[in-house]
Amino acid sequence: MNKNDRYALLYKQVEALAKGEENRVGVLANVSAAMKEMFPEEYFWVGFYLVDADRKSLLLGPFQGSVACYTIPFGRGVCGTSWAQGQSLVVGDVESFPGHIACSSLSRSEIVVPMHRKTAGEGWEGAAEVWGVLDIDSTSLDTFDDIDRQWLERIVALL
């Protein structure tokens, strides 16, 4: 099965896991497990960091992989930068990313996708608030590309 086919299958699985479920932590836990199972060779670490507005930080949420950083400040590292910019970041070599936070020395490349909620009464573009990020790390350089970004943005929109 090629990458697009695996993402299409993952999309359907996440759609089924999230539909009608109000247990957000449970959904994120199952989604991270489903992602790790679908891409066991590519995904070294997959999980979620959730916005804590009072602390202006991302806090560790459900994940699959080795131990991780508990807190990531707004605008710091790949995750904090993705949150600050409100857009996905694909990093082919984390060592070249200014201010990279090394939660694991095994991580070589990374993709981070912000999760948006619509602001009441406004359209999607420019009006979405970030409530967390999906963070995926690989032990290989240049693992992620535009195909990953497009599919993962579609998948997090289900959450």
N, C-alpha and C. Protein backbone atom coordinates (compact mmCIF):
# COMPACT_ATOMS: atom_id res chain seq x y z
N MET A 1 0.85 -1.17 0.00
CA MET A 1 0.00 0.00 0.00
C MET A 1 0.91 1.24 0.00
N ASN A 2 0.64 2.18 -0.90
CA ASN A 2 1.46 3.40 -0.95
C ASN A 2 1.01 4.39 0.13
N LYS A 3 1.76 5.49 0.24
CA LYS A 3 1.50 6.48 1.30
C LYS A 3 0.10 7.06 1.21
N ASN A 4 -0.34 7.44 0.01
CA ASN A 4 -1.70 8.00 -0.14
C ASN A 4 -2.77 7.01 0.29
N ASP A 5 -2.60 5.75 -0.08
CA ASP A 5 -3.57 4.72 0.30
C ASP A 5 -3.62 4.54 1.81
N ARG A 6 -2.45 4.55 2.46
CA ARG A 6 -2.42 4.40 3.91
C ARG A 6 -3.08 5.60 4.59
N TYR A 7 -2.82 6.81 4.07
CA TYR A 7 -3.46 7.99 4.65
C TYR A 7 -4.97 7.97 4.42
N ALA A 8 -5.42 7.52 3.27
CA ALA A 8 -6.86 7.44 3.01
C ALA A 8 -7.52 6.48 4.00
N LEU A 9 -6.88 5.36 4.26
CA LEU A 9 -7.40 4.40 5.24
C LEU A 9 -7.36 4.98 6.65
N LEU A 10 -6.27 5.66 6.98
CA LEU A 10 -6.15 6.29 8.29
C LEU A 10 -7.22 7.36 8.48
N TYR A 11 -7.48 8.14 7.44
CA TYR A 11 -8.51 9.18 7.50
C TYR A 11 -9.86 8.57 7.88
N LYS A 12 -10.23 7.47 7.22
CA LYS A 12 -11.50 6.80 7.50
C LYS A 12 -11.53 6.27 8.94
N GLN A 13 -10.40 5.75 9.40
CA GLN A 13 -10.33 5.23 10.76
C GLN A 13 -10.49 6.35 11.78
N VAL A 14 -9.79 7.48 11.57
CA VAL A 14 -9.89 8.61 12.49
C VAL A 14 -11.30 9.18 12.47
N GLU A 15 -11.89 9.24 11.29
CA GLU A 15 -13.27 9.73 11.17
C GLU A 15 -14.21 8.88 12.04
N ALA A 16 -14.03 7.57 11.99
CA ALA A 16 -14.87 6.67 12.79
C ALA A 16 -14.57 6.81 14.29
N LEU A 17 -13.30 6.98 14.64
CA LEU A 17 -12.93 7.12 16.05
C LEU A 17 -13.47 8.41 16.66
N ALA A 18 -13.51 9.48 15.87
CA ALA A 18 -13.88 10.79 16.40
C ALA A 18 -15.37 11.09 16.34
N LYS A 19 -16.06 10.47 15.41
CA LYS A 19 -17.47 10.80 15.17
C LYS A 19 -18.33 10.59 16.41
N GLY A 20 -18.91 11.68 16.89
CA GLY A 20 -19.85 11.62 18.00
C GLY A 20 -19.22 11.40 19.37
N GLU A 21 -17.91 11.29 19.43
CA GLU A 21 -17.24 11.03 20.71
C GLU A 21 -16.86 12.35 21.38
N GLU A 22 -17.23 12.48 22.64
CA GLU A 22 -16.94 13.71 23.38
C GLU A 22 -15.73 13.60 24.29
N ASN A 23 -15.18 12.42 24.44
CA ASN A 23 -14.00 12.21 25.27
C ASN A 23 -12.76 12.59 24.45
N ARG A 24 -12.40 13.86 24.50
CA ARG A 24 -11.31 14.38 23.67
C ARG A 24 -9.99 13.66 23.94
N VAL A 25 -9.65 13.45 25.19
CA VAL A 25 -8.40 12.77 25.52
C VAL A 25 -8.41 11.34 24.97
N GLY A 26 -9.52 10.66 25.12
CA GLY A 26 -9.65 9.31 24.59
C GLY A 26 -9.50 9.27 23.08
N VAL A 27 -10.12 10.22 22.40
CA VAL A 27 -10.01 10.29 20.94
C VAL A 27 -8.56 10.51 20.53
N LEU A 28 -7.90 11.48 21.16
CA LEU A 28 -6.51 11.78 20.81
C LEU A 28 -5.60 10.58 21.10
N ALA A 29 -5.86 9.87 22.18
CA ALA A 29 -5.07 8.67 22.50
C ALA A 29 -5.25 7.62 21.42
N ASN A 30 -6.49 7.36 21.02
CA ASN A 30 -6.73 6.36 19.98
C ASN A 30 -6.19 6.80 18.63
N VAL A 31 -6.29 8.08 18.32
CA VAL A 31 -5.78 8.58 17.04
C VAL A 31 -4.26 8.44 16.99
N SER A 32 -3.57 8.78 18.08
CA SER A 32 -2.11 8.63 18.07
C SER A 32 -1.73 7.16 17.92
N ALA A 33 -2.47 6.26 18.54
CA ALA A 33 -2.20 4.83 18.39
C ALA A 33 -2.44 4.37 16.95
N ALA A 34 -3.54 4.82 16.37
CA ALA A 34 -3.86 4.45 14.98
C ALA A 34 -2.79 4.95 14.01
N MET A 35 -2.31 6.16 14.25
CA MET A 35 -1.27 6.72 13.38
C MET A 35 0.03 5.94 13.50
N LYS A 36 0.42 5.62 14.72
CA LYS A 36 1.67 4.88 14.94
C LYS A 36 1.57 3.49 14.32
N GLU A 37 0.40 2.86 14.42
CA GLU A 37 0.20 1.54 13.82
C GLU A 37 0.22 1.60 12.30
N MET A 38 -0.31 2.67 11.71
CA MET A 38 -0.36 2.79 10.25
C MET A 38 1.01 3.08 9.66
N PHE A 39 1.85 3.81 10.41
CA PHE A 39 3.17 4.20 9.91
C PHE A 39 4.27 3.81 10.91
N PRO A 40 4.41 2.53 11.24
CA PRO A 40 5.35 2.12 12.29
C PRO A 40 6.82 2.38 11.94
N GLU A 41 7.16 2.34 10.68
CA GLU A 41 8.55 2.57 10.27
C GLU A 41 8.87 4.06 10.16
N GLU A 42 7.89 4.86 9.78
CA GLU A 42 8.10 6.28 9.55
C GLU A 42 7.96 7.11 10.82
N TYR A 43 7.01 6.76 11.68
CA TYR A 43 6.71 7.56 12.87
C TYR A 43 7.44 6.99 14.08
N PHE A 44 8.49 7.68 14.52
CA PHE A 44 9.19 7.31 15.75
C PHE A 44 8.36 7.74 16.96
N TRP A 45 7.76 8.93 16.87
CA TRP A 45 6.95 9.49 17.96
C TRP A 45 5.78 10.21 17.32
N VAL A 46 4.59 9.99 17.84
CA VAL A 46 3.41 10.69 17.35
C VAL A 46 2.53 11.03 18.55
N GLY A 47 2.10 12.28 18.61
CA GLY A 47 1.25 12.66 19.73
C GLY A 47 0.77 14.09 19.62
N PHE A 48 0.16 14.51 20.69
CA PHE A 48 -0.50 15.81 20.72
C PHE A 48 0.01 16.65 21.88
N TYR A 49 0.16 17.93 21.61
CA TYR A 49 0.40 18.92 22.65
C TYR A 49 -0.80 19.85 22.64
N LEU A 50 -1.33 20.15 23.83
CA LEU A 50 -2.55 20.94 23.95
C LEU A 50 -2.25 22.30 24.55
N VAL A 51 -2.92 23.31 24.03
CA VAL A 51 -2.70 24.69 24.46
C VAL A 51 -3.19 24.90 25.89
N ASP A 52 -2.33 25.48 26.70
CA ASP A 52 -2.69 25.99 28.03
C ASP A 52 -2.51 27.51 27.94
N ALA A 53 -3.60 28.21 27.66
CA ALA A 53 -3.53 29.65 27.41
C ALA A 53 -3.01 30.42 28.62
N ASP A 54 -3.37 29.98 29.82
CA ASP A 54 -2.92 30.67 31.03
C ASP A 54 -1.39 30.63 31.16
N ARG A 55 -0.81 29.51 30.80
CA ARG A 55 0.65 29.35 30.91
C ARG A 55 1.37 29.74 29.62
N LYS A 56 0.60 30.07 28.56
CA LYS A 56 1.17 30.39 27.25
C LYS A 56 2.14 29.29 26.81
N SER A 57 1.66 28.05 26.97
CA SER A 57 2.47 26.88 26.66
C SER A 57 1.62 25.78 26.05
N LEU A 58 2.31 24.85 25.40
CA LEU A 58 1.71 23.60 24.97
C LEU A 58 2.05 22.56 26.03
N LEU A 59 1.04 21.80 26.44
CA LEU A 59 1.24 20.75 27.44
C LEU A 59 1.11 19.39 26.77
N LEU A 60 1.96 18.46 27.17
CA LEU A 60 1.96 17.11 26.63
C LEU A 60 0.59 16.47 26.78
N GLY A 61 0.09 15.91 25.69
CA GLY A 61 -1.17 15.18 25.68
C GLY A 61 -0.92 13.74 25.30
N PRO A 62 -1.94 13.04 24.84
CA PRO A 62 -1.79 11.63 24.47
C PRO A 62 -0.74 11.45 23.36
N PHE A 63 0.04 10.37 23.48
CA PHE A 63 1.08 10.12 22.48
C PHE A 63 1.45 8.65 22.45
N GLN A 64 2.20 8.28 21.42
CA GLN A 64 2.79 6.95 21.27
C GLN A 64 4.28 7.17 20.99
N GLY A 65 5.14 6.55 21.77
CA GLY A 65 6.57 6.68 21.57
C GLY A 65 7.29 6.81 22.90
N SER A 66 8.53 7.24 22.82
CA SER A 66 9.35 7.38 24.02
C SER A 66 8.93 8.62 24.82
N VAL A 67 9.49 8.75 26.01
CA VAL A 67 9.14 9.88 26.87
C VAL A 67 9.36 11.19 26.12
N ALA A 68 8.60 12.22 26.53
CA ALA A 68 8.59 13.47 25.78
C ALA A 68 8.64 14.67 26.72
N CYS A 69 8.85 15.82 26.13
CA CYS A 69 8.83 17.08 26.89
C CYS A 69 7.42 17.32 27.43
N TYR A 70 7.35 17.81 28.66
CA TYR A 70 6.05 18.11 29.26
C TYR A 70 5.46 19.42 28.75
N THR A 71 6.31 20.42 28.57
CA THR A 71 5.84 21.77 28.27
C THR A 71 6.68 22.38 27.17
N ILE A 72 6.01 23.04 26.23
CA ILE A 72 6.71 23.76 25.15
C ILE A 72 6.15 25.18 25.12
N PRO A 73 7.00 26.19 25.31
CA PRO A 73 6.53 27.57 25.32
C PRO A 73 6.04 28.04 23.94
N PHE A 74 5.12 28.98 23.96
CA PHE A 74 4.60 29.61 22.74
C PHE A 74 5.76 30.16 21.92
N GLY A 75 5.80 29.80 20.64
CA GLY A 75 6.81 30.33 19.73
C GLY A 75 8.16 29.65 19.80
N ARG A 76 8.31 28.60 20.63
CA ARG A 76 9.61 27.93 20.78
C ARG A 76 9.57 26.55 20.15
N GLY A 77 10.68 26.15 19.56
CA GLY A 77 10.76 24.85 18.93
C GLY A 77 9.81 24.75 17.75
N VAL A 78 9.75 23.57 17.16
CA VAL A 78 8.88 23.37 15.99
C VAL A 78 7.41 23.45 16.41
N CYS A 79 7.06 22.82 17.53
CA CYS A 79 5.67 22.82 17.98
C CYS A 79 5.19 24.22 18.35
N GLY A 80 5.97 24.92 19.17
CA GLY A 80 5.59 26.27 19.58
C GLY A 80 5.55 27.26 18.43
N THR A 81 6.42 27.06 17.45
CA THR A 81 6.42 27.92 16.27
C THR A 81 5.19 27.65 15.40
N SER A 82 4.85 26.38 15.23
CA SER A 82 3.65 26.03 14.47
C SER A 82 2.41 26.63 15.12
N TRP A 83 2.35 26.57 16.43
CA TRP A 83 1.23 27.17 17.18
C TRP A 83 1.21 28.68 16.94
N ALA A 84 2.34 29.33 17.09
CA ALA A 84 2.41 30.79 16.94
C ALA A 84 2.02 31.23 15.53
N GLN A 85 2.45 30.47 14.53
CA GLN A 85 2.17 30.82 13.14
C GLN A 85 0.81 30.32 12.67
N GLY A 86 0.24 29.36 13.40
CA GLY A 86 -1.04 28.80 13.01
C GLY A 86 -0.99 28.00 11.73
N GLN A 87 0.20 27.47 11.41
CA GLN A 87 0.34 26.70 10.18
C GLN A 87 1.25 25.50 10.39
N SER A 88 1.11 24.53 9.49
CA SER A 88 1.91 23.31 9.55
C SER A 88 3.36 23.62 9.21
N LEU A 89 4.25 22.86 9.85
CA LEU A 89 5.68 22.97 9.57
C LEU A 89 6.23 21.59 9.27
N VAL A 90 6.94 21.48 8.16
CA VAL A 90 7.64 20.26 7.78
C VAL A 90 9.12 20.56 7.88
N VAL A 91 9.82 19.83 8.75
CA VAL A 91 11.24 20.09 9.00
C VAL A 91 12.02 18.83 8.62
N GLY A 92 12.81 18.94 7.57
CA GLY A 92 13.58 17.80 7.07
C GLY A 92 14.74 17.41 7.95
N ASP A 93 15.31 18.39 8.67
CA ASP A 93 16.43 18.15 9.57
C ASP A 93 16.23 19.04 10.79
N VAL A 94 15.83 18.45 11.90
CA VAL A 94 15.51 19.24 13.10
C VAL A 94 16.71 20.01 13.63
N GLU A 95 17.93 19.52 13.37
CA GLU A 95 19.13 20.21 13.83
C GLU A 95 19.30 21.57 13.14
N SER A 96 18.68 21.74 11.98
CA SER A 96 18.79 23.00 11.25
C SER A 96 17.68 23.99 11.61
N PHE A 97 16.74 23.56 12.46
CA PHE A 97 15.63 24.44 12.83
C PHE A 97 16.06 25.32 14.01
N PRO A 98 16.02 26.64 13.84
CA PRO A 98 16.44 27.53 14.92
C PRO A 98 15.60 27.33 16.19
N GLY A 99 16.26 27.10 17.30
CA GLY A 99 15.55 26.94 18.56
C GLY A 99 14.91 25.59 18.75
N HIS A 100 15.28 24.59 17.94
CA HIS A 100 14.70 23.26 18.09
C HIS A 100 14.84 22.77 19.52
N ILE A 101 13.76 22.19 20.05
CA ILE A 101 13.76 21.61 21.39
C ILE A 101 13.92 20.10 21.22
N ALA A 102 15.02 19.57 21.69
CA ALA A 102 15.31 18.14 21.53
C ALA A 102 14.72 17.35 22.68
N CYS A 103 13.48 16.90 22.51
CA CYS A 103 12.87 16.04 23.53
C CYS A 103 13.49 14.64 23.46
N SER A 104 13.95 14.25 22.28
CA SER A 104 14.67 12.99 22.10
C SER A 104 15.82 13.21 21.13
N SER A 105 16.98 12.70 21.48
CA SER A 105 18.15 12.83 20.60
C SER A 105 18.01 11.97 19.36
N LEU A 106 17.04 11.06 19.32
CA LEU A 106 16.83 10.20 18.17
C LEU A 106 16.05 10.87 17.04
N SER A 107 15.36 11.95 17.35
CA SER A 107 14.54 12.63 16.34
C SER A 107 15.44 13.33 15.32
N ARG A 108 15.12 13.12 14.02
CA ARG A 108 15.88 13.73 12.93
C ARG A 108 15.03 14.64 12.05
N SER A 109 13.77 14.26 11.84
CA SER A 109 12.86 15.11 11.07
C SER A 109 11.51 15.14 11.78
N GLU A 110 10.71 16.14 11.41
CA GLU A 110 9.48 16.38 12.18
C GLU A 110 8.44 17.08 11.32
N ILE A 111 7.19 16.79 11.62
CA ILE A 111 6.07 17.54 11.05
C ILE A 111 5.14 17.90 12.20
N VAL A 112 4.70 19.15 12.21
CA VAL A 112 3.76 19.62 13.24
C VAL A 112 2.59 20.27 12.53
N VAL A 113 1.39 19.87 12.93
CA VAL A 113 0.16 20.37 12.32
C VAL A 113 -0.73 20.96 13.42
N PRO A 114 -1.04 22.26 13.34
CA PRO A 114 -1.91 22.85 14.36
C PRO A 114 -3.35 22.37 14.20
N MET A 115 -4.04 22.29 15.33
CA MET A 115 -5.45 21.93 15.33
C MET A 115 -6.25 23.20 15.63
N HIS A 116 -7.15 23.53 14.71
CA HIS A 116 -7.90 24.78 14.80
C HIS A 116 -9.35 24.53 15.21
N ARG A 117 -9.89 25.48 15.95
CA ARG A 117 -11.34 25.48 16.17
C ARG A 117 -11.85 26.78 15.58
N LYS A 118 -13.01 26.71 15.01
CA LYS A 118 -13.59 27.92 14.41
C LYS A 118 -14.00 28.90 15.49
N THR A 119 -13.76 30.16 15.21
CA THR A 119 -14.24 31.22 16.08
C THR A 119 -15.69 31.49 15.71
N ALA A 120 -16.54 31.58 16.70
CA ALA A 120 -17.98 31.75 16.45
C ALA A 120 -18.26 32.93 15.54
N GLY A 121 -19.08 32.68 14.54
CA GLY A 121 -19.55 33.75 13.67
C GLY A 121 -18.60 34.18 12.59
N GLU A 122 -17.46 33.51 12.46
CA GLU A 122 -16.50 33.90 11.45
C GLU A 122 -16.18 32.72 10.56
N GLY A 123 -15.62 33.01 9.39
CA GLY A 123 -15.21 31.96 8.47
C GLY A 123 -13.95 31.27 8.93
N TRP A 124 -13.58 30.19 8.27
CA TRP A 124 -12.42 29.39 8.67
C TRP A 124 -11.12 30.16 8.49
N GLU A 125 -10.89 30.78 7.32
CA GLU A 125 -9.63 31.44 7.04
C GLU A 125 -9.41 32.61 7.99
N GLY A 126 -8.30 32.55 8.71
CA GLY A 126 -7.91 33.64 9.59
C GLY A 126 -8.71 33.76 10.87
N ALA A 127 -9.70 32.91 11.05
CA ALA A 127 -10.56 33.06 12.23
C ALA A 127 -10.46 31.86 13.16
N ALA A 128 -9.53 30.98 12.88
CA ALA A 128 -9.45 29.76 13.68
C ALA A 128 -8.46 29.93 14.82
N GLU A 129 -8.86 29.44 15.96
CA GLU A 129 -8.01 29.44 17.15
C GLU A 129 -7.32 28.08 17.25
N VAL A 130 -6.04 28.08 17.55
CA VAL A 130 -5.30 26.83 17.71
C VAL A 130 -5.53 26.32 19.13
N TRP A 131 -5.97 25.06 19.24
CA TRP A 131 -6.20 24.47 20.56
C TRP A 131 -5.18 23.37 20.88
N GLY A 132 -4.34 23.06 19.91
CA GLY A 132 -3.30 22.06 20.11
C GLY A 132 -2.57 21.81 18.82
N VAL A 133 -1.56 20.94 18.90
CA VAL A 133 -0.82 20.56 17.69
C VAL A 133 -0.62 19.05 17.68
N LEU A 134 -0.59 18.51 16.48
CA LEU A 134 -0.17 17.14 16.24
C LEU A 134 1.31 17.20 15.92
N ASP A 135 2.10 16.42 16.62
CA ASP A 135 3.56 16.40 16.45
C ASP A 135 3.98 14.99 16.09
N ILE A 136 4.72 14.86 14.98
CA ILE A 136 5.22 13.55 14.56
C ILE A 136 6.71 13.68 14.27
N ASP A 137 7.49 12.78 14.87
CA ASP A 137 8.94 12.76 14.68
C ASP A 137 9.35 11.46 14.00
N SER A 138 10.48 11.55 13.26
CA SER A 138 11.07 10.39 12.62
C SER A 138 12.55 10.33 12.98
N THR A 139 13.11 9.13 12.97
CA THR A 139 14.53 8.96 13.22
C THR A 139 15.35 9.13 11.94
N SER A 140 14.68 9.36 10.81
CA SER A 140 15.36 9.57 9.53
C SER A 140 15.20 11.01 9.08
N LEU A 141 16.16 11.50 8.32
CA LEU A 141 16.06 12.83 7.74
C LEU A 141 15.03 12.84 6.62
N ASP A 142 14.40 13.98 6.42
CA ASP A 142 13.50 14.22 5.28
C ASP A 142 12.40 13.17 5.12
N THR A 143 11.83 12.73 6.22
CA THR A 143 10.77 11.72 6.18
C THR A 143 9.46 12.29 5.65
N PHE A 144 9.16 13.54 5.98
CA PHE A 144 7.84 14.11 5.71
C PHE A 144 7.88 15.05 4.51
N ASP A 145 6.75 15.09 3.81
CA ASP A 145 6.66 15.94 2.62
C ASP A 145 5.26 16.54 2.53
N ASP A 146 4.96 17.12 1.40
CA ASP A 146 3.68 17.79 1.23
C ASP A 146 2.50 16.82 1.27
N ILE A 147 2.72 15.58 0.87
CA ILE A 147 1.64 14.58 0.96
C ILE A 147 1.26 14.36 2.43
N ASP A 148 2.28 14.22 3.28
CA ASP A 148 2.01 14.07 4.71
C ASP A 148 1.26 15.29 5.24
N ARG A 149 1.75 16.47 4.90
CA ARG A 149 1.14 17.71 5.40
C ARG A 149 -0.33 17.79 4.99
N GLN A 150 -0.62 17.56 3.72
CA GLN A 150 -2.00 17.67 3.25
C GLN A 150 -2.91 16.67 3.94
N TRP A 151 -2.49 15.41 4.05
CA TRP A 151 -3.33 14.40 4.70
C TRP A 151 -3.50 14.68 6.19
N LEU A 152 -2.41 15.05 6.85
CA LEU A 152 -2.49 15.29 8.29
C LEU A 152 -3.36 16.51 8.60
N GLU A 153 -3.32 17.53 7.75
CA GLU A 153 -4.22 18.67 7.95
C GLU A 153 -5.68 18.24 7.81
N ARG A 154 -5.97 17.37 6.87
CA ARG A 154 -7.33 16.84 6.71
C ARG A 154 -7.73 16.02 7.93
N ILE A 155 -6.80 15.22 8.42
CA ILE A 155 -7.09 14.34 9.55
C ILE A 155 -7.34 15.15 10.83
N VAL A 156 -6.49 16.14 11.12
CA VAL A 156 -6.71 16.91 12.35
C VAL A 156 -7.98 17.76 12.27
N ALA A 157 -8.43 18.06 11.07
CA ALA A 157 -9.70 18.81 10.93
C ALA A 157 -10.88 17.98 11.44
N LEU A 158 -10.71 16.66 11.51
CA LEU A 158 -11.76 15.79 12.04
C LEU A 158 -11.85 15.85 13.56
N LEU A 159 -10.80 16.34 14.18
CA LEU A 159 -10.73 16.34 15.63
C LEU A 159 -11.36 17.59 16.15
